[in-house]
Protein backbone atom coordinates (compact mmCIF):
# COMPACT_ATOMS: atom_id res chain seq x y z
CA MET A 1 0.00 0.00 0.00
CA PRO A 2 1.50 3.40 -0.95
CA GLY A 3 2.00 6.12 1.62
CA THR A 4 0.16 9.42 1.72
CA GLU A 5 1.46 11.74 -0.99
CA ILE A 6 1.62 15.49 -1.55
CA PRO A 7 2.33 16.13 -5.25
CA ASP A 8 3.83 19.05 -7.16
CA LEU A 9 5.92 20.67 -4.44
CA GLN A 10 8.57 23.11 -5.59
CA VAL A 11 12.10 22.44 -4.34
CA THR A 12 13.53 25.74 -3.13
CA LYS A 13 16.92 24.58 -1.84
CA VAL A 14 19.05 21.45 -1.73
CA VAL A 15 20.75 21.54 1.67
CA ASP A 16 22.86 18.40 1.30
CA GLY A 17 22.55 14.82 0.16
CA ASP A 18 19.59 13.90 2.36
CA THR A 19 17.92 17.23 3.15
CA ILE A 20 15.99 19.64 0.92
CA ASN A 21 13.61 22.56 1.32
CA VAL A 22 10.26 22.78 -0.47
CA ASP A 23 7.46 25.30 -0.71
CA LEU A 24 4.45 23.88 1.12
CA GLY A 25 1.42 26.16 1.05
CA GLY A 26 3.56 29.27 0.75
CA GLU A 27 5.82 28.28 3.64
CA THR A 28 9.33 26.81 3.52
CA GLU A 29 9.35 23.25 4.84
CA ARG A 30 12.57 21.34 5.43
CA LEU A 31 12.46 17.67 4.44
CA ARG A 32 14.76 15.05 5.97
CA LEU A 33 14.73 12.07 3.65
CA ILE A 34 13.68 8.99 5.58
CA ALA A 35 15.68 5.72 5.63
CA VAL A 36 18.85 7.39 4.33
CA ASP A 37 21.78 9.15 5.96
CA THR A 38 24.38 10.58 3.60
CA GLU A 39 27.73 11.59 5.04
CA GLU A 40 28.35 15.18 6.07
CA SER A 41 29.28 17.89 3.57
CA LEU A 42 29.52 20.66 6.17
CA PRO A 43 30.32 20.62 9.92
CA SER A 44 27.18 19.93 11.96
CA GLY A 45 26.64 21.36 15.42
CA ALA A 46 23.70 19.00 15.89
CA THR A 47 25.80 15.89 15.20
CA PRO A 48 29.42 16.75 16.04
CA ASP A 49 30.41 13.07 16.02
CA LYS A 50 29.75 12.85 12.26
CA PRO A 51 32.81 14.04 10.31
CA VAL A 52 32.79 15.91 7.00
CA THR A 53 33.92 13.44 4.33
CA GLU A 54 34.67 13.38 0.64
CA ALA A 55 31.67 11.09 0.18
CA GLY A 56 29.48 13.63 1.97
CA LYS A 57 30.65 16.43 -0.30
CA GLN A 58 30.07 14.35 -3.41
CA ALA A 59 26.62 13.21 -2.20
CA SER A 60 25.65 16.87 -1.70
CA SER A 61 26.83 17.72 -5.22
CA PHE A 62 24.96 14.71 -6.58
CA ALA A 63 21.70 15.85 -4.94
CA LYS A 64 22.10 19.41 -6.18
CA GLU A 65 22.62 18.19 -9.72
CA TYR A 66 19.71 15.73 -9.44
CA PHE A 67 17.15 18.39 -8.53
CA ALA A 68 18.52 21.08 -10.87
CA LEU A 69 16.75 21.90 -14.14
CA PRO A 70 18.59 22.98 -17.30
CA GLU A 71 17.23 26.51 -17.14
CA GLY A 72 18.67 27.00 -13.66
CA ASP A 73 15.49 26.36 -11.68
CA LEU A 74 14.88 23.48 -9.28
CA ALA A 75 12.52 20.57 -9.89
CA GLN A 76 9.07 19.86 -8.55
CA VAL A 77 8.68 16.71 -6.46
CA THR A 78 6.11 14.47 -4.84
CA VAL A 79 6.50 13.87 -1.12
CA GLU A 80 5.46 10.47 0.23
CA PHE A 81 5.06 9.68 3.92
CA ASP A 82 5.75 6.28 5.47
CA THR A 83 2.08 5.69 6.40
CA ASP A 84 -1.28 6.25 4.70
CA ASP A 85 -2.67 8.55 7.39
CA PRO A 86 -4.48 11.75 6.37
CA VAL A 87 -2.18 14.56 5.22
CA GLU A 88 -2.80 16.67 8.33
CA VAL A 89 -1.84 13.72 10.56
CA CYS A 90 1.31 13.03 8.53
CA LEU A 91 2.36 16.68 8.74
CA GLN A 92 2.13 16.47 12.53
CA ARG A 93 3.50 13.01 13.27
CA HIS A 94 6.17 12.44 10.60
CA ARG A 95 8.78 14.80 12.01
CA ASP A 96 12.27 14.12 13.31
CA ASN A 97 13.97 15.29 16.49
CA PHE A 98 14.54 18.74 14.96
CA GLY A 99 11.06 19.26 13.49
CA ARG A 100 11.93 18.36 9.90
CA LEU A 101 9.39 16.38 7.87
CA LEU A 102 10.41 12.74 7.40
CA CYS A 103 9.48 11.48 3.95
CA TYR A 104 10.41 9.94 0.63
CA VAL A 105 10.89 12.28 -2.32
CA HIS A 106 9.94 11.29 -5.86
CA LYS A 107 11.02 13.17 -8.97
CA ASP A 108 9.59 12.17 -12.35
CA GLY A 109 8.38 8.91 -10.79
CA GLU A 110 11.78 7.98 -9.30
CA ASN A 111 12.25 7.41 -5.56
CA PHE A 112 15.28 9.56 -4.70
CA ASN A 113 15.73 7.92 -1.28
CA LEU A 114 16.05 4.53 -2.93
CA LYS A 115 18.38 5.97 -5.57
CA LEU A 116 20.74 7.31 -2.91
CA VAL A 117 21.08 3.83 -1.45
CA ALA A 118 21.30 2.08 -4.84
CA ASP A 119 24.04 4.46 -6.01
CA GLY A 120 25.99 3.98 -2.79
CA TRP A 121 25.67 7.51 -1.41
CA SER A 122 23.85 6.31 1.70
CA PRO A 123 23.45 3.13 3.74
CA TYR A 124 19.94 1.93 4.49
CA PHE A 125 19.34 3.96 7.66
CA GLU A 126 17.23 1.95 10.14
CA LYS A 127 18.30 3.74 13.31
CA TYR A 128 14.82 5.10 14.04
CA GLY A 129 12.88 2.21 12.55
CA ARG A 130 12.69 0.24 9.33
CA SER A 131 11.00 1.63 6.25
CA ARG A 132 7.37 0.50 6.30
CA LEU A 133 7.00 0.92 2.54
CA TYR A 134 10.38 0.03 1.02
CA HIS A 135 12.23 -2.19 3.50
CA GLN A 136 12.93 -4.97 0.99
CA GLU A 137 13.83 -2.61 -1.86
CA LEU A 138 16.23 -0.61 0.33
CA SER A 139 17.86 -3.76 1.71
CA VAL A 140 18.41 -5.17 -1.79
CA ALA A 141 19.69 -1.81 -3.07
CA GLU A 142 22.20 -1.54 -0.24
CA ALA A 143 23.49 -5.07 -0.80
CA ASP A 144 23.90 -4.38 -4.52
CA ALA A 145 25.80 -1.14 -3.84
CA GLN A 146 28.07 -2.91 -1.37
CA ALA A 147 28.82 -5.72 -3.82
CA ALA A 148 29.64 -3.17 -6.54
CA ASN A 149 31.85 -0.99 -4.27
CA ARG A 150 29.78 2.10 -5.04
CA ALA A 151 30.55 5.45 -3.33
CA ILE A 152 30.69 4.99 0.46
CA TRP A 153 31.34 1.25 0.04
CA ASP A 154 34.47 1.93 -2.03
CA PRO A 155 37.49 1.87 0.34
CA ASP A 156 39.15 4.52 -1.81
CA MET A 157 36.27 7.01 -1.61
CA ASN A 158 37.42 8.56 1.69
CA ALA A 159 40.98 7.21 1.58
CA GLY A 160 43.32 9.38 3.61
CA GLY A 161 40.48 11.32 5.21
CA PRO A 162 37.66 10.90 7.75
CA THR A 163 35.17 8.10 7.26
CA ARG A 164 32.25 6.53 9.13
CA PRO A 165 32.52 3.12 10.87
CA TYR A 166 29.66 1.33 9.10
CA ASP A 167 30.91 -2.04 10.32
CA THR A 168 29.76 -1.05 13.83
CA LEU A 169 27.00 1.42 12.96
CA ARG A 170 24.96 -0.82 10.62
CA PRO A 171 24.46 -3.68 13.13
CA TRP A 172 23.48 -1.12 15.79
CA TRP A 173 20.97 0.57 13.50
CA ALA A 174 19.50 -2.83 12.58
CA PHE A 175 19.21 -3.70 16.29
CA ARG A 176 17.37 -0.44 17.02
CA GLY A 177 15.20 -0.95 13.95
CA ALA A 178 14.19 -4.38 15.21
CA VAL A 179 13.15 -2.88 18.57
CA VAL A 180 10.95 -0.33 16.79
CA GLU A 181 9.49 -3.16 14.69
CA ASP A 182 8.54 -5.03 17.89
CA TYR A 183 6.78 -1.89 19.13
CA ARG A 184 4.88 -1.50 15.85
CA ARG A 185 3.75 -5.13 15.96
CA ALA A 186 2.59 -4.71 19.55
CA LEU A 187 0.62 -1.61 18.56
CA ALA A 188 -1.00 -3.45 15.66
CA ALA A 189 -1.93 -6.34 17.98
CA GLY A 190 -3.33 -3.95 20.58
CA THR A 191 -0.91 -5.06 23.29
CA ALA A 192 0.87 -1.67 23.34
CA ALA A 193 -2.18 0.51 22.80
CA GLU A 194 -1.56 2.51 25.98
CA VAL A 195 2.13 3.17 25.30
CA LEU A 196 3.08 6.74 24.37
CA SER A 197 5.89 7.45 21.94
CA VAL A 198 7.80 10.61 22.85
CA ARG A 199 7.96 11.73 19.23
CA LEU A 200 4.60 10.51 17.94
CA ASP A 201 2.42 11.17 21.01
CA TYR A 202 4.05 14.24 22.52
CA ALA A 203 0.82 16.21 22.90
CA ALA A 204 -0.74 13.32 24.85
CA LEU A 205 2.41 13.06 26.99
CA LEU A 206 2.15 16.74 27.88
CA ASP A 207 -1.52 16.31 28.81
CA ALA A 208 -0.64 13.33 31.01
CA ALA A 209 2.07 15.32 32.77
CA ARG A 210 -0.30 18.20 33.44
CA ALA A 211 -2.79 15.73 34.95
CA GLY A 212 -0.17 13.75 36.88
CA ALA A 213 -1.34 10.57 35.15
CA GLN A 214 0.46 7.25 35.15
CA VAL A 215 1.98 6.48 31.75
CA THR A 216 4.20 4.07 29.87
CA VAL A 217 6.52 5.87 27.44
CA LEU A 218 8.73 4.45 24.70
CA CYS A 219 11.85 6.61 24.83
CA ASP A 220 15.38 6.66 23.52
CA LEU A 221 18.22 6.69 26.08
CA GLN A 222 21.15 6.50 23.68
CA GLU A 223 22.75 9.65 25.16
CA GLY A 224 22.58 8.27 28.70
CA ILE A 225 22.83 10.47 31.78
CA LYS A 226 23.28 14.08 30.71
CA ARG A 227 23.52 15.93 34.00
CA TRP A 228 24.18 15.34 37.69
CA VAL A 229 22.21 17.83 39.78
CA GLY A 230 21.87 18.11 43.56
CA GLY A 231 22.56 14.46 44.24
CA GLY A 232 20.37 13.28 41.36
CA ALA A 233 20.78 12.38 37.70
CA VAL A 234 18.92 13.69 34.65
CA ILE A 235 18.44 11.52 31.57
CA TRP A 236 17.38 13.31 28.39
CA ALA A 237 14.85 10.84 27.00
CA GLY A 238 13.39 13.13 24.35
CA SER A 239 14.83 15.51 21.75
CA PRO A 240 15.19 19.26 21.10
CA GLN A 241 11.76 19.13 19.46
CA HIS A 242 10.13 16.87 22.06
CA LYS A 243 11.64 17.48 25.49
CA PHE A 244 11.18 14.67 28.02
CA ASN A 245 13.35 13.66 30.97
CA LEU A 246 13.81 10.79 33.37
CA TRP A 247 14.94 11.90 36.83
CA ILE A 248 16.84 9.65 39.25
CA PRO A 249 16.79 11.24 42.72
CA ASP A 250 19.34 10.59 45.46
CA VAL A 251 21.87 8.59 43.45
CA GLU A 252 23.66 7.51 46.65
CA THR A 253 20.97 4.91 47.36
CA ASP A 254 21.48 1.31 46.24
CA VAL A 255 18.39 1.33 44.02
CA ALA A 256 19.41 4.55 42.30
CA GLN A 257 22.90 3.21 41.62
CA GLN A 258 21.38 0.07 40.10
CA ILE A 259 19.20 2.21 37.80
CA VAL A 260 22.25 4.24 36.75
CA ARG A 261 24.24 1.08 35.98
CA LEU A 262 21.33 -0.37 33.98
CA VAL A 263 21.04 2.78 31.87
CA GLN A 264 24.78 3.00 31.24
CA LEU A 265 25.33 -0.70 30.47
CA ARG A 266 22.14 -1.61 28.60
CA TYR A 267 20.74 1.49 26.94
CA ALA A 268 23.22 4.35 26.59
CA GLY A 269 25.77 4.66 23.81
CA THR A 270 26.53 3.21 20.40
CA GLY A 271 25.82 -0.49 20.07
CA ARG A 272 23.39 -0.71 22.97
CA ARG A 273 19.63 -1.15 22.96
CA SER A 274 18.77 2.56 23.39
CA TYR A 275 14.99 2.15 23.45
CA VAL A 276 13.24 1.48 26.74
CA TYR A 277 9.71 1.52 28.12
CA ALA A 278 9.61 3.86 31.13
CA ARG A 279 6.66 3.64 33.50
CA GLY A 280 5.51 5.99 36.24
CA ASP A 281 3.54 9.08 37.10
CA ALA A 282 4.15 11.81 34.55
CA GLU A 283 4.74 15.29 35.93
CA LEU A 284 5.98 18.67 34.73
CA PHE A 285 9.38 20.03 35.69
CA GLY A 286 8.89 23.60 34.57
CA THR A 287 7.43 23.02 31.11
CA THR A 288 9.16 19.67 30.49
CA PRO A 289 7.35 16.40 31.17
CA GLN A 290 9.27 13.84 33.19
CA ILE A 291 9.04 10.57 35.09
CA VAL A 292 10.84 10.08 38.41
CA LEU A 293 12.63 6.74 38.59
CA THR A 294 12.73 5.14 42.04
CA SER A 295 12.49 1.46 41.10
CA LEU A 296 14.23 -0.81 38.59
CA ASP A 297 10.93 -2.23 37.39
CA GLN A 298 10.01 1.18 35.95
CA LEU A 299 12.35 0.41 33.04
CA SER A 300 11.64 -2.49 30.72
CA ASP A 301 12.46 -3.84 27.26
CA PHE A 302 8.80 -4.81 26.87
CA SER A 303 5.61 -2.81 26.41
CA ALA A 304 3.52 -5.03 28.66
C-alpha cells in the first residue's frame, strides 16, 4: 500500500545529500529524507560526532545536480510519507527530532531515497525504525551497492580522510530498527495501545504530565545520563523538538545506583539497545514532562 502523498511541491533549496527545502502552502518546509543518511558535507553542530567526508561532499553535489533543471530552476517533487494517514496527521507526526518532515521524495516517478542507497551515497538507515513501505527494496539496493563498491562502500572514496565506521553502525541501526518493529507489531496487535511514543504522542504526553497521570513511554536513552544535579541524575529521553526527561533522585541509594548502571550498560551509547519503556507518574518540571525513577521495574524492554 503506498503512503500518503503530496504532489507538485517546488524544491527551493538542496541543503545536502539527504535534506531539501520545499514550498508547502507558501511556507518553507525542510524535508529530511527517511531511511537514508548521507555523510556530512559541512560541519554539523547538531551531530558533532559525524565528520565531513569526501563522500558527503560528493553526495551533496549529486543531490544538487539531481534536482537542478537545465534553465537553472529546481525541480518539482512528490513527497510520500511512510504511512497512509491523512495529510494533516502526517504533517504532525512524521517529524524528526529537529522538526523536519520525514518522507520519501519522488522526482519524475523515481524514488530519490532509494536511488541514494542504490548508487551507494547512503546506507539503508534503520536507526529510528525500518521503512514500512520500502524495506525490501532498500535492503536489496544496499546489498547491490556494497557488492559493486559504489561510493561509500568503495574503500578509496574517503581514503586518507575521515570516514564513518559502518561495520559497527549498521548492526546497531538494525538492532534499534528491530526494537521499533517489535513496538509497531505490539501496537497493531493492541498489546501496546496505551504506550506513548515521545515523538509521535508528545501532545498526549504533555496532557498526562499536566494531569499527573500514570503512563508508559517508549523513549530513547542512547545519550545516557546528561547531568548530575543536587545528588540526582537527569536523563534526556526526548529531543530538542520533544523534550522529556527521566529523573533519578538521590543517586547515593542502592536502588538509584542500580538504575544508573542499567542505563549505562544496557541502553546508553553506540551499540546498545537505546529504546526502553519507562513507567511511572508523569509530571511537569517547569514546562518539560518527566518521570521520576525510584524502582528498577520502571524500566523495561517490553511494552507489557
